[in-house]
């Protein structure tokens, strides 16, 4: 998202104030007014953050071996939840090292890992 200009920010505040004033006195809006107002306000807003694991109830079927991303963009594989932390490994060379990361720092990516047996020759 590009940084909104000063004028766009001011216009977004004006539009929001106008909508709130109209709601207080019971004005009705046409669909074009609502659509335009929404575009103006959204343009000046920061993108809505993705849900973190702190806002998600742990479900073994959904989250065990699921990939998550840290605030720093590091990909990890979630193993289990313990209070306010999630036990994870960092592929591809995890080496059996389990790390504990705060739930609020992990955002699920929607990808999952599947365990496989190594092929013997």
N, C-alpha and C. Protein backbone atom coordinates (compact mmCIF):
# COMPACT_ATOMS: atom_id res chain seq x y z
N UNK A 1 0.84 -1.17 0.00
CA UNK A 1 0.00 0.00 0.00
C UNK A 1 0.88 1.22 0.00
N UNK A 2 0.55 2.20 -0.84
CA UNK A 2 1.32 3.43 -0.87
C UNK A 2 0.91 4.31 0.31
N UNK A 3 1.80 5.18 0.71
CA UNK A 3 1.55 6.08 1.82
C UNK A 3 0.52 7.12 1.38
N UNK A 4 -0.61 7.26 2.10
CA UNK A 4 -1.60 8.26 1.70
C UNK A 4 -1.03 9.67 1.83
N UNK A 5 -1.49 10.55 0.96
CA UNK A 5 -1.05 11.95 1.01
C UNK A 5 -1.76 12.66 2.16
N UNK A 6 -1.27 13.83 2.49
CA UNK A 6 -1.89 14.64 3.54
C UNK A 6 -3.34 14.93 3.18
N UNK A 7 -3.57 15.27 1.92
CA UNK A 7 -4.92 15.60 1.46
C UNK A 7 -5.86 14.39 1.56
N UNK A 8 -5.35 13.20 1.23
CA UNK A 8 -6.17 11.99 1.31
C UNK A 8 -6.55 11.67 2.76
N UNK A 9 -5.62 11.89 3.67
CA UNK A 9 -5.90 11.65 5.09
C UNK A 9 -6.95 12.63 5.59
N UNK A 10 -6.79 13.90 5.23
CA UNK A 10 -7.77 14.92 5.64
C UNK A 10 -9.14 14.58 5.06
N UNK A 11 -9.18 14.19 3.78
CA UNK A 11 -10.44 13.84 3.12
C UNK A 11 -11.08 12.62 3.79
N UNK A 12 -10.29 11.66 4.19
CA UNK A 12 -10.82 10.48 4.87
C UNK A 12 -11.45 10.86 6.20
N UNK A 13 -10.80 11.75 6.96
CA UNK A 13 -11.36 12.21 8.23
C UNK A 13 -12.65 12.99 8.01
N UNK A 14 -12.66 13.84 6.99
CA UNK A 14 -13.87 14.60 6.68
C UNK A 14 -15.02 13.67 6.31
N UNK A 15 -14.72 12.67 5.49
CA UNK A 15 -15.74 11.73 5.06
C UNK A 15 -16.28 10.93 6.23
N UNK A 16 -15.38 10.48 7.09
CA UNK A 16 -15.81 9.72 8.27
C UNK A 16 -16.68 10.59 9.18
N UNK A 17 -16.26 11.83 9.41
CA UNK A 17 -17.05 12.74 10.24
C UNK A 17 -18.42 12.99 9.63
N UNK A 18 -18.47 13.15 8.31
CA UNK A 18 -19.74 13.37 7.60
C UNK A 18 -20.66 12.15 7.76
N UNK A 19 -20.11 10.96 7.60
CA UNK A 19 -20.92 9.75 7.75
C UNK A 19 -21.46 9.63 9.17
N UNK A 20 -20.61 9.92 10.16
CA UNK A 20 -21.05 9.85 11.56
C UNK A 20 -22.13 10.88 11.84
N UNK A 21 -21.97 12.10 11.34
CA UNK A 21 -22.99 13.14 11.51
C UNK A 21 -24.32 12.70 10.90
N UNK A 22 -24.26 12.13 9.72
CA UNK A 22 -25.48 11.68 9.04
C UNK A 22 -26.15 10.54 9.80
N UNK A 23 -25.36 9.65 10.36
CA UNK A 23 -25.93 8.55 11.12
C UNK A 23 -26.64 9.07 12.37
N UNK A 24 -26.08 10.13 12.99
CA UNK A 24 -26.69 10.69 14.20
C UNK A 24 -28.05 11.30 13.92
N UNK A 25 -28.22 11.93 12.75
CA UNK A 25 -29.49 12.58 12.44
C UNK A 25 -30.39 11.71 11.57
N UNK A 26 -29.94 10.52 11.24
CA UNK A 26 -30.78 9.59 10.51
C UNK A 26 -30.84 9.82 9.01
N UNK A 27 -29.81 10.38 8.42
CA UNK A 27 -29.77 10.57 6.97
C UNK A 27 -29.73 9.20 6.28
N UNK A 28 -30.21 9.19 5.08
CA UNK A 28 -30.09 7.96 4.28
C UNK A 28 -29.09 8.25 3.16
N UNK A 29 -28.32 7.23 2.83
CA UNK A 29 -27.32 7.35 1.79
C UNK A 29 -27.73 6.53 0.59
N UNK A 30 -27.37 7.02 -0.58
CA UNK A 30 -27.53 6.20 -1.76
C UNK A 30 -26.34 5.26 -1.87
N UNK A 31 -26.45 4.18 -2.66
CA UNK A 31 -25.35 3.23 -2.77
C UNK A 31 -24.06 3.86 -3.29
N UNK A 32 -24.16 4.86 -4.17
CA UNK A 32 -22.96 5.50 -4.70
C UNK A 32 -22.23 6.29 -3.62
N UNK A 33 -22.97 6.96 -2.75
CA UNK A 33 -22.36 7.73 -1.66
C UNK A 33 -21.64 6.81 -0.70
N UNK A 34 -22.27 5.71 -0.36
CA UNK A 34 -21.65 4.75 0.57
C UNK A 34 -20.39 4.16 -0.04
N UNK A 35 -20.47 3.76 -1.30
CA UNK A 35 -19.31 3.15 -1.97
C UNK A 35 -18.15 4.14 -2.05
N UNK A 36 -18.43 5.39 -2.45
CA UNK A 36 -17.38 6.41 -2.56
C UNK A 36 -16.77 6.68 -1.18
N UNK A 37 -17.62 6.80 -0.16
CA UNK A 37 -17.13 7.09 1.19
C UNK A 37 -16.22 5.98 1.68
N UNK A 38 -16.62 4.75 1.42
CA UNK A 38 -15.81 3.60 1.84
C UNK A 38 -14.44 3.62 1.16
N UNK A 39 -14.41 3.92 -0.13
CA UNK A 39 -13.14 3.98 -0.88
C UNK A 39 -12.23 5.06 -0.31
N UNK A 40 -12.79 6.24 -0.02
CA UNK A 40 -12.00 7.36 0.51
C UNK A 40 -11.40 7.00 1.86
N UNK A 41 -12.20 6.39 2.72
CA UNK A 41 -11.72 6.05 4.06
C UNK A 41 -10.68 4.93 3.99
N UNK A 42 -10.95 3.88 3.22
CA UNK A 42 -10.02 2.76 3.13
C UNK A 42 -8.68 3.15 2.53
N UNK A 43 -8.69 4.12 1.62
CA UNK A 43 -7.44 4.54 0.98
C UNK A 43 -6.46 5.14 1.99
N UNK A 44 -6.98 5.78 3.02
CA UNK A 44 -6.12 6.42 4.02
C UNK A 44 -5.83 5.51 5.21
N UNK A 45 -6.45 4.33 5.24
CA UNK A 45 -6.22 3.41 6.35
C UNK A 45 -5.06 2.47 6.05
N UNK A 46 -4.43 2.02 7.10
CA UNK A 46 -3.43 0.97 6.96
C UNK A 46 -4.16 -0.34 6.71
N UNK A 47 -3.51 -1.32 6.07
CA UNK A 47 -4.19 -2.59 5.84
C UNK A 47 -4.53 -3.27 7.16
N UNK A 48 -5.63 -4.00 7.16
CA UNK A 48 -6.06 -4.71 8.36
C UNK A 48 -5.07 -5.85 8.61
N UNK A 49 -4.56 -5.95 9.84
CA UNK A 49 -3.58 -7.01 10.12
C UNK A 49 -4.23 -8.39 10.08
N UNK A 50 -3.43 -9.38 9.72
CA UNK A 50 -3.91 -10.77 9.71
C UNK A 50 -4.05 -11.25 11.15
N UNK A 51 -4.92 -12.24 11.34
CA UNK A 51 -5.12 -12.82 12.67
C UNK A 51 -3.86 -13.57 13.12
N UNK A 52 -3.52 -13.38 14.38
CA UNK A 52 -2.40 -14.12 14.95
C UNK A 52 -2.95 -15.32 15.72
N UNK A 53 -2.06 -16.17 16.16
CA UNK A 53 -2.47 -17.34 16.93
C UNK A 53 -3.03 -16.93 18.30
N UNK A 54 -2.73 -15.74 18.77
CA UNK A 54 -3.30 -15.26 20.03
C UNK A 54 -4.80 -15.04 19.89
N UNK A 55 -5.27 -14.82 18.67
CA UNK A 55 -6.69 -14.58 18.41
C UNK A 55 -7.39 -15.83 17.88
N UNK A 56 -6.66 -16.94 17.88
CA UNK A 56 -7.18 -18.18 17.31
C UNK A 56 -7.14 -19.28 18.36
N UNK A 57 -8.23 -20.02 18.47
CA UNK A 57 -8.26 -21.15 19.41
C UNK A 57 -7.48 -22.32 18.79
N UNK A 58 -6.56 -22.87 19.55
CA UNK A 58 -5.74 -23.98 19.06
C UNK A 58 -6.61 -25.19 18.76
N UNK A 59 -6.40 -25.78 17.59
CA UNK A 59 -7.09 -26.99 17.18
C UNK A 59 -6.01 -27.92 16.61
N UNK A 60 -5.79 -29.07 17.27
CA UNK A 60 -4.72 -29.98 16.84
C UNK A 60 -4.83 -30.35 15.37
N UNK A 61 -6.04 -30.65 14.89
CA UNK A 61 -6.20 -31.05 13.49
C UNK A 61 -5.83 -29.93 12.53
N UNK A 62 -6.13 -28.71 12.92
CA UNK A 62 -5.87 -27.57 12.04
C UNK A 62 -4.46 -27.01 12.19
N UNK A 63 -3.92 -27.01 13.39
CA UNK A 63 -2.67 -26.29 13.63
C UNK A 63 -1.43 -27.16 13.79
N UNK A 64 -1.59 -28.45 14.16
CA UNK A 64 -0.42 -29.32 14.29
C UNK A 64 0.23 -29.48 12.92
N UNK A 65 1.51 -29.20 12.82
CA UNK A 65 2.31 -29.22 11.59
C UNK A 65 1.87 -28.17 10.56
N UNK A 66 1.18 -27.13 11.04
CA UNK A 66 0.82 -26.02 10.16
C UNK A 66 1.93 -24.98 10.17
N UNK A 67 2.10 -24.32 9.04
CA UNK A 67 3.14 -23.30 8.93
C UNK A 67 2.60 -21.97 9.47
N UNK A 68 3.49 -21.23 10.11
CA UNK A 68 3.17 -19.88 10.57
C UNK A 68 4.36 -18.99 10.26
N UNK A 69 4.11 -17.70 10.27
CA UNK A 69 5.17 -16.73 10.00
C UNK A 69 5.31 -15.82 11.22
N UNK A 70 6.57 -15.56 11.60
CA UNK A 70 6.82 -14.66 12.73
C UNK A 70 6.72 -13.22 12.25
N UNK A 71 6.76 -12.30 13.19
CA UNK A 71 6.73 -10.87 12.85
C UNK A 71 7.90 -10.49 11.96
N UNK A 72 8.99 -11.24 12.04
CA UNK A 72 10.19 -10.96 11.23
C UNK A 72 10.18 -11.68 9.89
N UNK A 73 9.07 -12.39 9.58
CA UNK A 73 8.97 -13.07 8.30
C UNK A 73 9.60 -14.45 8.26
N UNK A 74 9.96 -15.00 9.41
CA UNK A 74 10.57 -16.32 9.46
C UNK A 74 9.45 -17.37 9.51
N UNK A 75 9.56 -18.38 8.66
CA UNK A 75 8.57 -19.46 8.61
C UNK A 75 8.93 -20.54 9.63
N UNK A 76 7.91 -20.98 10.38
CA UNK A 76 8.09 -22.05 11.35
C UNK A 76 6.94 -23.04 11.19
N UNK A 77 7.12 -24.22 11.77
CA UNK A 77 6.07 -25.24 11.78
C UNK A 77 5.61 -25.39 13.23
N UNK A 78 4.31 -25.24 13.44
CA UNK A 78 3.77 -25.30 14.79
C UNK A 78 3.56 -26.76 15.20
N UNK A 79 3.89 -27.05 16.46
CA UNK A 79 3.75 -28.40 16.99
C UNK A 79 2.66 -28.51 18.05
N UNK A 80 2.69 -27.59 19.02
CA UNK A 80 1.69 -27.63 20.08
C UNK A 80 1.64 -26.29 20.79
N UNK A 81 0.57 -26.11 21.55
CA UNK A 81 0.39 -24.87 22.31
C UNK A 81 0.61 -25.16 23.78
N UNK A 82 1.25 -24.24 24.46
CA UNK A 82 1.49 -24.36 25.90
C UNK A 82 1.31 -22.98 26.51
N UNK A 83 0.12 -22.75 27.12
CA UNK A 83 -0.22 -21.44 27.70
C UNK A 83 -0.20 -20.37 26.60
N UNK A 84 0.68 -19.37 26.71
CA UNK A 84 0.74 -18.28 25.74
C UNK A 84 1.86 -18.43 24.71
N UNK A 85 2.43 -19.63 24.64
CA UNK A 85 3.48 -19.87 23.65
C UNK A 85 3.11 -21.07 22.80
N UNK A 86 3.73 -21.14 21.63
CA UNK A 86 3.54 -22.28 20.75
C UNK A 86 4.90 -22.89 20.49
N UNK A 87 4.97 -24.19 20.65
CA UNK A 87 6.22 -24.91 20.37
C UNK A 87 6.30 -25.10 18.86
N UNK A 88 7.48 -24.76 18.29
CA UNK A 88 7.66 -24.78 16.84
C UNK A 88 9.03 -25.34 16.49
N UNK A 89 9.16 -25.72 15.24
CA UNK A 89 10.47 -26.02 14.66
C UNK A 89 10.60 -25.15 13.43
N UNK A 90 11.84 -24.93 13.03
CA UNK A 90 12.09 -24.11 11.85
C UNK A 90 12.68 -24.99 10.75
N UNK A 91 11.90 -25.31 9.72
CA UNK A 91 12.43 -26.14 8.64
C UNK A 91 13.35 -25.33 7.76
N UNK A 92 14.12 -25.89 6.86
CA UNK A 92 14.16 -27.31 6.55
C UNK A 92 15.13 -28.08 7.44
N UNK A 93 16.02 -27.41 8.11
CA UNK A 93 17.02 -28.12 8.92
C UNK A 93 16.75 -27.91 10.40
N UNK A 94 15.59 -28.35 10.85
CA UNK A 94 15.19 -28.11 12.24
C UNK A 94 16.13 -28.80 13.22
N UNK A 95 16.60 -29.97 12.84
CA UNK A 95 17.56 -30.66 13.70
C UNK A 95 17.02 -31.00 15.07
N UNK A 96 15.71 -31.12 15.19
CA UNK A 96 15.12 -31.50 16.47
C UNK A 96 15.08 -30.38 17.50
N UNK A 97 15.45 -29.17 17.12
CA UNK A 97 15.43 -28.05 18.06
C UNK A 97 14.03 -27.45 18.08
N UNK A 98 13.41 -27.51 19.25
CA UNK A 98 12.07 -26.94 19.42
C UNK A 98 12.22 -25.55 20.04
N UNK A 99 11.57 -24.60 19.43
CA UNK A 99 11.60 -23.23 19.96
C UNK A 99 10.20 -22.87 20.44
N UNK A 100 10.14 -22.00 21.43
CA UNK A 100 8.86 -21.56 21.98
C UNK A 100 8.68 -20.10 21.60
N UNK A 101 7.59 -19.82 20.87
CA UNK A 101 7.33 -18.46 20.41
C UNK A 101 5.99 -17.97 20.96
N UNK A 102 5.90 -16.69 21.33
CA UNK A 102 4.62 -16.15 21.80
C UNK A 102 3.54 -16.27 20.73
N UNK A 103 2.33 -16.63 21.15
CA UNK A 103 1.21 -16.80 20.22
C UNK A 103 0.96 -15.52 19.42
N UNK A 104 1.13 -14.37 20.07
CA UNK A 104 0.83 -13.10 19.41
C UNK A 104 1.80 -12.77 18.28
N UNK A 105 2.92 -13.49 18.20
CA UNK A 105 3.91 -13.22 17.15
C UNK A 105 3.78 -14.15 15.95
N UNK A 106 2.81 -15.08 15.98
CA UNK A 106 2.68 -16.06 14.90
C UNK A 106 1.40 -15.86 14.11
N UNK A 107 1.56 -15.75 12.79
CA UNK A 107 0.42 -15.63 11.88
C UNK A 107 0.39 -16.87 10.99
N UNK A 108 -0.70 -17.66 11.05
CA UNK A 108 -0.77 -18.85 10.19
C UNK A 108 -0.74 -18.48 8.71
N UNK A 109 -0.07 -19.30 7.91
CA UNK A 109 0.01 -19.04 6.46
C UNK A 109 -1.02 -19.84 5.68
N UNK A 110 -1.61 -20.86 6.31
CA UNK A 110 -2.57 -21.71 5.61
C UNK A 110 -1.94 -22.96 5.02
N UNK A 111 -0.61 -23.06 5.09
CA UNK A 111 0.07 -24.24 4.58
C UNK A 111 0.31 -25.25 5.70
N UNK A 112 0.36 -26.53 5.32
CA UNK A 112 0.60 -27.61 6.28
C UNK A 112 1.71 -28.53 5.79
N UNK A 113 2.42 -29.11 6.73
CA UNK A 113 3.45 -30.10 6.41
C UNK A 113 2.86 -31.49 6.66
N UNK A 114 3.28 -32.44 5.87
CA UNK A 114 2.85 -33.83 6.03
C UNK A 114 4.06 -34.69 6.32
N UNK A 115 4.03 -35.43 7.43
CA UNK A 115 5.17 -36.30 7.74
C UNK A 115 5.22 -37.46 6.76
N UNK A 116 6.43 -37.83 6.35
CA UNK A 116 6.62 -38.97 5.45
C UNK A 116 7.76 -39.82 5.98
N UNK A 117 7.73 -41.07 5.61
CA UNK A 117 8.81 -41.99 5.98
C UNK A 117 9.92 -41.88 4.92
N UNK A 118 11.18 -41.90 5.33
CA UNK A 118 12.26 -41.88 4.33
C UNK A 118 12.24 -43.17 3.52
N UNK A 119 12.51 -43.04 2.24
CA UNK A 119 12.53 -44.21 1.34
C UNK A 119 13.84 -44.97 1.54
N UNK A 120 13.72 -46.28 1.69
CA UNK A 120 14.92 -47.12 1.80
C UNK A 120 15.28 -47.64 0.41
N UNK A 121 16.57 -47.81 0.16
CA UNK A 121 17.04 -48.30 -1.16
C UNK A 121 16.92 -49.79 -1.28
